[in-house]
Amino acid sequence: MLNSAGPVRLETYAARFDDIRIDSSLDIEGDRSARLTGAFTIDGQDSKFTVNARLEDAQGQVIRAEEVQAQTGLSWDLAAGDVDIWWPIGYGSQPLYTLHLELVAKVRRRFGLSTPPRKGSQAGWFYT
């Protein structure tokens, strides 16, 4: 007998982010442009997933959005006017940015339909 404090729910996934690495570099001596790169490790049944990536500033304004292939990762060049430099306290502002990543996994499941089971009947829902 299984005792529980409430309903039990089992969740499964077709894919999930196993590891995310985001790196940035800034051309401080030149035109103050920036490069943002990202590498993703996906745990799932198929390695050909896409990632919806969206970079926002502190006010929620979208700076850049793009769908990228998970296996190739993210590589964005950002112009000086797109992003501001983060400075230590006393030297300037500390603007923060948010990178939203959404894994796009297409799932297909085959199933058959039938009428609800009746007493003495074998009809019902089934999966293949």
N, C-alpha and C. Protein backbone atom coordinates (compact mmCIF):
# COMPACT_ATOMS: atom_id res chain seq x y z
N MET A 1 0.85 -1.18 0.00
CA MET A 1 0.00 0.00 0.00
C MET A 1 0.89 1.24 0.00
N LEU A 2 0.55 2.20 -0.84
CA LEU A 2 1.31 3.44 -0.95
C LEU A 2 0.53 4.55 -0.26
N ASN A 3 1.13 5.13 0.74
CA ASN A 3 0.52 6.27 1.42
C ASN A 3 1.16 7.55 0.91
N SER A 4 0.35 8.54 0.59
CA SER A 4 0.90 9.82 0.15
C SER A 4 0.06 10.94 0.73
N ALA A 5 0.65 12.12 0.77
CA ALA A 5 -0.04 13.27 1.33
C ALA A 5 -0.92 13.95 0.29
N GLY A 6 -0.83 13.53 -0.95
CA GLY A 6 -1.61 14.18 -1.99
C GLY A 6 -1.46 13.44 -3.29
N PRO A 7 -1.96 14.02 -4.37
CA PRO A 7 -1.84 13.35 -5.66
C PRO A 7 -0.38 13.27 -6.10
N VAL A 8 -0.06 12.23 -6.80
CA VAL A 8 1.28 12.02 -7.34
C VAL A 8 1.22 12.26 -8.84
N ARG A 9 2.18 13.02 -9.34
CA ARG A 9 2.22 13.33 -10.76
C ARG A 9 3.59 12.98 -11.31
N LEU A 10 3.61 12.26 -12.39
CA LEU A 10 4.85 11.89 -13.04
C LEU A 10 5.03 12.76 -14.28
N GLU A 11 6.17 13.45 -14.36
CA GLU A 11 6.46 14.29 -15.51
C GLU A 11 7.61 13.71 -16.30
N THR A 12 7.48 13.75 -17.61
CA THR A 12 8.55 13.30 -18.49
C THR A 12 8.90 14.43 -19.45
N TYR A 13 10.01 14.30 -20.11
CA TYR A 13 10.41 15.31 -21.07
C TYR A 13 11.03 14.64 -22.28
N ALA A 14 10.89 15.29 -23.42
CA ALA A 14 11.55 14.81 -24.63
C ALA A 14 12.99 15.32 -24.67
N ALA A 15 13.21 16.51 -24.07
CA ALA A 15 14.54 17.10 -24.03
C ALA A 15 14.57 18.17 -22.94
N ARG A 16 15.78 18.43 -22.46
CA ARG A 16 15.96 19.50 -21.48
C ARG A 16 17.39 20.01 -21.58
N PHE A 17 17.62 21.23 -21.08
CA PHE A 17 18.97 21.76 -21.03
C PHE A 17 19.73 21.00 -19.95
N ASP A 18 20.85 20.41 -20.31
CA ASP A 18 21.70 19.73 -19.34
C ASP A 18 22.76 20.70 -18.82
N ASP A 19 23.27 21.54 -19.72
CA ASP A 19 24.28 22.53 -19.34
C ASP A 19 24.18 23.73 -20.27
N ILE A 20 24.36 24.90 -19.72
CA ILE A 20 24.34 26.15 -20.50
C ILE A 20 25.58 26.96 -20.12
N ARG A 21 26.35 27.36 -21.12
CA ARG A 21 27.52 28.20 -20.87
C ARG A 21 27.39 29.46 -21.72
N ILE A 22 27.40 30.61 -21.05
CA ILE A 22 27.30 31.91 -21.73
C ILE A 22 28.58 32.69 -21.45
N ASP A 23 29.22 33.17 -22.50
CA ASP A 23 30.43 33.98 -22.37
C ASP A 23 30.24 35.29 -23.12
N SER A 24 30.90 36.32 -22.64
CA SER A 24 30.84 37.61 -23.32
C SER A 24 32.25 38.20 -23.38
N SER A 25 32.47 38.98 -24.41
CA SER A 25 33.73 39.72 -24.53
C SER A 25 33.40 41.12 -25.03
N LEU A 26 34.22 42.06 -24.65
CA LEU A 26 33.98 43.46 -24.96
C LEU A 26 35.23 44.07 -25.57
N ASP A 27 35.06 44.80 -26.66
CA ASP A 27 36.17 45.51 -27.30
C ASP A 27 36.26 46.90 -26.66
N ILE A 28 36.89 46.98 -25.51
CA ILE A 28 36.96 48.23 -24.73
C ILE A 28 37.89 49.26 -25.38
N GLU A 29 38.91 48.80 -26.08
CA GLU A 29 39.86 49.72 -26.69
C GLU A 29 39.38 50.24 -28.05
N GLY A 30 38.56 49.47 -28.72
CA GLY A 30 38.12 49.83 -30.06
C GLY A 30 36.76 50.51 -30.06
N ASP A 31 35.82 49.92 -30.76
CA ASP A 31 34.50 50.54 -30.93
C ASP A 31 33.51 50.19 -29.84
N ARG A 32 33.97 49.49 -28.79
CA ARG A 32 33.13 49.09 -27.66
C ARG A 32 31.99 48.15 -28.05
N SER A 33 32.21 47.39 -29.10
CA SER A 33 31.23 46.37 -29.47
C SER A 33 31.40 45.17 -28.54
N ALA A 34 30.43 44.29 -28.54
CA ALA A 34 30.47 43.12 -27.66
C ALA A 34 30.17 41.87 -28.47
N ARG A 35 30.65 40.76 -27.96
CA ARG A 35 30.33 39.44 -28.54
C ARG A 35 29.76 38.58 -27.42
N LEU A 36 28.63 37.97 -27.72
CA LEU A 36 27.97 37.08 -26.77
C LEU A 36 27.93 35.69 -27.40
N THR A 37 28.47 34.69 -26.70
CA THR A 37 28.45 33.33 -27.21
C THR A 37 27.79 32.42 -26.18
N GLY A 38 27.16 31.38 -26.68
CA GLY A 38 26.51 30.42 -25.80
C GLY A 38 26.66 29.02 -26.34
N ALA A 39 26.92 28.08 -25.45
CA ALA A 39 26.99 26.67 -25.80
C ALA A 39 25.98 25.92 -24.95
N PHE A 40 25.25 25.00 -25.57
CA PHE A 40 24.19 24.28 -24.88
C PHE A 40 24.42 22.78 -24.99
N THR A 41 24.26 22.09 -23.90
CA THR A 41 24.25 20.64 -23.91
C THR A 41 22.81 20.22 -23.65
N ILE A 42 22.26 19.43 -24.57
CA ILE A 42 20.86 19.02 -24.48
C ILE A 42 20.79 17.54 -24.11
N ASP A 43 19.97 17.25 -23.12
CA ASP A 43 19.70 15.87 -22.74
C ASP A 43 18.36 15.50 -23.36
N GLY A 44 18.39 14.60 -24.33
CA GLY A 44 17.15 14.23 -24.99
C GLY A 44 17.36 13.14 -26.01
N GLN A 45 16.30 12.76 -26.65
CA GLN A 45 16.33 11.65 -27.58
C GLN A 45 16.90 12.04 -28.95
N ASP A 46 16.80 13.30 -29.31
CA ASP A 46 17.24 13.76 -30.62
C ASP A 46 18.13 14.98 -30.43
N SER A 47 19.25 15.02 -31.13
CA SER A 47 20.20 16.13 -30.93
C SER A 47 19.90 17.33 -31.81
N LYS A 48 18.88 17.28 -32.64
CA LYS A 48 18.62 18.37 -33.58
C LYS A 48 17.51 19.28 -33.06
N PHE A 49 17.73 19.87 -31.90
CA PHE A 49 16.77 20.78 -31.32
C PHE A 49 17.15 22.22 -31.65
N THR A 50 16.18 23.10 -31.61
CA THR A 50 16.45 24.52 -31.77
C THR A 50 16.22 25.22 -30.43
N VAL A 51 16.85 26.37 -30.31
CA VAL A 51 16.74 27.17 -29.09
C VAL A 51 16.28 28.56 -29.50
N ASN A 52 15.20 29.04 -28.89
CA ASN A 52 14.77 30.42 -29.07
C ASN A 52 15.52 31.25 -28.04
N ALA A 53 16.38 32.15 -28.50
CA ALA A 53 17.19 32.98 -27.62
C ALA A 53 16.73 34.43 -27.75
N ARG A 54 16.61 35.11 -26.60
CA ARG A 54 16.16 36.51 -26.59
C ARG A 54 16.94 37.26 -25.51
N LEU A 55 17.60 38.34 -25.91
CA LEU A 55 18.36 39.19 -25.00
C LEU A 55 17.55 40.44 -24.71
N GLU A 56 17.36 40.72 -23.41
CA GLU A 56 16.59 41.91 -22.99
C GLU A 56 17.42 42.76 -22.05
N ASP A 57 17.14 44.08 -22.09
CA ASP A 57 17.78 44.97 -21.13
C ASP A 57 16.97 44.97 -19.83
N ALA A 58 17.39 45.79 -18.87
CA ALA A 58 16.75 45.81 -17.56
C ALA A 58 15.29 46.24 -17.61
N GLN A 59 14.89 46.99 -18.62
CA GLN A 59 13.50 47.44 -18.76
C GLN A 59 12.65 46.43 -19.55
N GLY A 60 13.24 45.34 -19.99
CA GLY A 60 12.50 44.33 -20.74
C GLY A 60 12.45 44.58 -22.23
N GLN A 61 13.19 45.57 -22.72
CA GLN A 61 13.24 45.83 -24.15
C GLN A 61 14.11 44.78 -24.83
N VAL A 62 13.61 44.20 -25.91
CA VAL A 62 14.35 43.17 -26.63
C VAL A 62 15.48 43.81 -27.44
N ILE A 63 16.69 43.36 -27.19
CA ILE A 63 17.85 43.84 -27.92
C ILE A 63 18.10 42.98 -29.14
N ARG A 64 17.94 41.67 -28.95
CA ARG A 64 18.13 40.74 -30.06
C ARG A 64 17.38 39.45 -29.75
N ALA A 65 16.80 38.86 -30.78
CA ALA A 65 16.10 37.59 -30.65
C ALA A 65 16.37 36.77 -31.90
N GLU A 66 16.58 35.48 -31.69
CA GLU A 66 16.91 34.62 -32.83
C GLU A 66 16.68 33.17 -32.45
N GLU A 67 16.33 32.37 -33.45
CA GLU A 67 16.25 30.92 -33.25
C GLU A 67 17.56 30.33 -33.75
N VAL A 68 18.24 29.57 -32.89
CA VAL A 68 19.53 28.99 -33.24
C VAL A 68 19.48 27.48 -33.07
N GLN A 69 20.35 26.79 -33.76
CA GLN A 69 20.47 25.34 -33.60
C GLN A 69 21.23 25.05 -32.32
N ALA A 70 20.71 24.14 -31.52
CA ALA A 70 21.33 23.83 -30.22
C ALA A 70 22.75 23.32 -30.39
N GLN A 71 23.00 22.51 -31.41
CA GLN A 71 24.33 21.93 -31.57
C GLN A 71 25.37 22.96 -32.01
N THR A 72 24.96 24.04 -32.67
CA THR A 72 25.93 25.06 -33.08
C THR A 72 26.05 26.18 -32.05
N GLY A 73 25.06 26.36 -31.21
CA GLY A 73 25.14 27.36 -30.15
C GLY A 73 24.79 28.76 -30.63
N LEU A 74 25.16 29.71 -29.81
CA LEU A 74 24.81 31.11 -30.01
C LEU A 74 26.08 31.92 -30.22
N SER A 75 26.07 32.82 -31.20
CA SER A 75 27.19 33.72 -31.44
C SER A 75 26.64 35.02 -31.99
N TRP A 76 26.58 36.03 -31.12
CA TRP A 76 26.03 37.33 -31.51
C TRP A 76 27.08 38.41 -31.38
N ASP A 77 27.19 39.25 -32.40
CA ASP A 77 27.99 40.47 -32.32
C ASP A 77 27.02 41.60 -32.04
N LEU A 78 27.28 42.36 -30.98
CA LEU A 78 26.40 43.44 -30.57
C LEU A 78 27.13 44.77 -30.72
N ALA A 79 26.50 45.71 -31.38
CA ALA A 79 27.11 47.02 -31.60
C ALA A 79 27.17 47.80 -30.29
N ALA A 80 28.04 48.79 -30.26
CA ALA A 80 28.24 49.60 -29.04
C ALA A 80 26.94 50.24 -28.57
N GLY A 81 26.08 50.65 -29.46
CA GLY A 81 24.83 51.28 -29.05
C GLY A 81 23.78 50.30 -28.56
N ASP A 82 23.98 49.00 -28.83
CA ASP A 82 23.00 48.00 -28.41
C ASP A 82 23.10 47.69 -26.92
N VAL A 83 24.31 47.66 -26.39
CA VAL A 83 24.54 47.33 -24.98
C VAL A 83 25.46 48.36 -24.34
N ASP A 84 25.37 48.48 -23.05
CA ASP A 84 26.23 49.39 -22.29
C ASP A 84 27.21 48.59 -21.45
N ILE A 85 28.34 49.19 -21.17
CA ILE A 85 29.38 48.54 -20.38
C ILE A 85 28.97 48.53 -18.91
N TRP A 86 29.25 47.42 -18.22
CA TRP A 86 29.06 47.31 -16.78
C TRP A 86 30.35 47.78 -16.12
N TRP A 87 30.22 48.79 -15.26
CA TRP A 87 31.39 49.37 -14.59
C TRP A 87 31.34 49.05 -13.10
N PRO A 88 32.51 48.93 -12.45
CA PRO A 88 32.52 48.77 -10.99
C PRO A 88 31.91 50.01 -10.31
N ILE A 89 31.44 49.82 -9.11
CA ILE A 89 30.83 50.93 -8.36
C ILE A 89 31.82 52.09 -8.26
N GLY A 90 31.34 53.29 -8.54
CA GLY A 90 32.17 54.48 -8.50
C GLY A 90 32.77 54.84 -9.85
N TYR A 91 32.68 53.95 -10.84
CA TYR A 91 33.25 54.21 -12.16
C TYR A 91 32.20 54.38 -13.25
N GLY A 92 30.95 54.07 -12.93
CA GLY A 92 29.89 54.17 -13.93
C GLY A 92 28.71 53.30 -13.56
N SER A 93 27.82 53.11 -14.51
CA SER A 93 26.60 52.35 -14.26
C SER A 93 26.85 50.85 -14.32
N GLN A 94 25.91 50.08 -13.79
CA GLN A 94 25.99 48.63 -13.79
C GLN A 94 24.75 48.04 -14.49
N PRO A 95 24.64 48.24 -15.80
CA PRO A 95 23.47 47.70 -16.51
C PRO A 95 23.52 46.17 -16.55
N LEU A 96 22.37 45.57 -16.32
CA LEU A 96 22.25 44.12 -16.36
C LEU A 96 21.32 43.72 -17.50
N TYR A 97 21.57 42.56 -18.05
CA TYR A 97 20.79 42.04 -19.17
C TYR A 97 20.29 40.64 -18.83
N THR A 98 19.21 40.24 -19.47
CA THR A 98 18.64 38.92 -19.25
C THR A 98 18.61 38.18 -20.59
N LEU A 99 19.14 36.96 -20.57
CA LEU A 99 19.10 36.11 -21.75
C LEU A 99 18.08 35.01 -21.49
N HIS A 100 17.01 35.01 -22.29
CA HIS A 100 15.96 33.99 -22.19
C HIS A 100 16.27 32.89 -23.21
N LEU A 101 16.26 31.64 -22.76
CA LEU A 101 16.49 30.51 -23.64
C LEU A 101 15.31 29.55 -23.53
N GLU A 102 14.77 29.18 -24.67
CA GLU A 102 13.64 28.25 -24.71
C GLU A 102 13.99 27.12 -25.66
N LEU A 103 13.99 25.92 -25.15
CA LEU A 103 14.27 24.74 -25.96
C LEU A 103 13.02 24.36 -26.73
N VAL A 104 13.16 24.23 -28.03
CA VAL A 104 12.03 23.87 -28.89
C VAL A 104 12.19 22.40 -29.25
N ALA A 105 11.32 21.59 -28.69
CA ALA A 105 11.34 20.15 -28.96
C ALA A 105 10.02 19.75 -29.58
N LYS A 106 10.09 19.14 -30.73
CA LYS A 106 8.88 18.66 -31.38
C LYS A 106 8.68 17.20 -31.00
N VAL A 107 7.53 16.91 -30.43
CA VAL A 107 7.24 15.57 -29.94
C VAL A 107 6.07 14.99 -30.74
N ARG A 108 6.20 13.74 -31.07
CA ARG A 108 5.14 13.06 -31.80
C ARG A 108 4.80 11.77 -31.06
N ARG A 109 3.53 11.55 -30.83
CA ARG A 109 3.08 10.33 -30.15
C ARG A 109 1.92 9.74 -30.91
N ARG A 110 2.00 8.46 -31.20
CA ARG A 110 0.91 7.76 -31.88
C ARG A 110 -0.04 7.19 -30.84
N PHE A 111 -1.32 7.29 -31.13
CA PHE A 111 -2.31 6.71 -30.22
C PHE A 111 -3.57 6.38 -31.00
N GLY A 112 -4.39 5.56 -30.40
CA GLY A 112 -5.66 5.18 -31.01
C GLY A 112 -6.81 5.65 -30.14
N LEU A 113 -7.96 5.83 -30.75
CA LEU A 113 -9.15 6.28 -30.03
C LEU A 113 -10.22 5.20 -30.06
N SER A 114 -10.93 5.11 -28.99
CA SER A 114 -12.03 4.17 -28.90
C SER A 114 -13.04 4.73 -27.92
N THR A 115 -14.13 4.07 -27.75
CA THR A 115 -15.14 4.52 -26.80
C THR A 115 -14.69 4.18 -25.38
N PRO A 116 -15.22 4.87 -24.37
CA PRO A 116 -14.86 4.55 -22.99
C PRO A 116 -15.25 3.10 -22.69
N PRO A 117 -14.46 2.42 -21.87
CA PRO A 117 -14.77 1.02 -21.58
C PRO A 117 -16.11 0.87 -20.87
N ARG A 118 -16.84 -0.15 -21.24
CA ARG A 118 -18.11 -0.48 -20.59
C ARG A 118 -17.94 -1.82 -19.91
N LYS A 119 -18.77 -2.06 -18.97
CA LYS A 119 -18.70 -3.32 -18.23
C LYS A 119 -18.73 -4.49 -19.21
N GLY A 120 -17.70 -5.32 -19.13
CA GLY A 120 -17.62 -6.48 -19.99
C GLY A 120 -17.02 -6.18 -21.36
N SER A 121 -16.58 -4.93 -21.61
CA SER A 121 -16.03 -4.55 -22.91
C SER A 121 -14.52 -4.38 -22.81
N GLN A 122 -13.82 -4.60 -23.91
CA GLN A 122 -12.37 -4.40 -23.98
C GLN A 122 -12.01 -3.05 -24.58
N ALA A 123 -12.98 -2.25 -24.97
CA ALA A 123 -12.71 -0.95 -25.62
C ALA A 123 -12.16 0.04 -24.59
N GLY A 124 -11.38 1.00 -25.05
CA GLY A 124 -10.82 2.03 -24.17
C GLY A 124 -9.69 2.77 -24.85
N TRP A 125 -8.92 3.56 -24.10
CA TRP A 125 -7.78 4.30 -24.63
C TRP A 125 -6.56 3.39 -24.66
N PHE A 126 -5.75 3.55 -25.65
CA PHE A 126 -4.51 2.79 -25.70
C PHE A 126 -3.46 3.59 -26.46
N TYR A 127 -2.19 3.35 -26.13
CA TYR A 127 -1.06 4.00 -26.79
C TYR A 127 -0.23 2.95 -27.50
N THR A 128 0.42 3.35 -28.58
CA THR A 128 1.33 2.42 -29.26
C THR A 128 2.76 2.89 -29.09
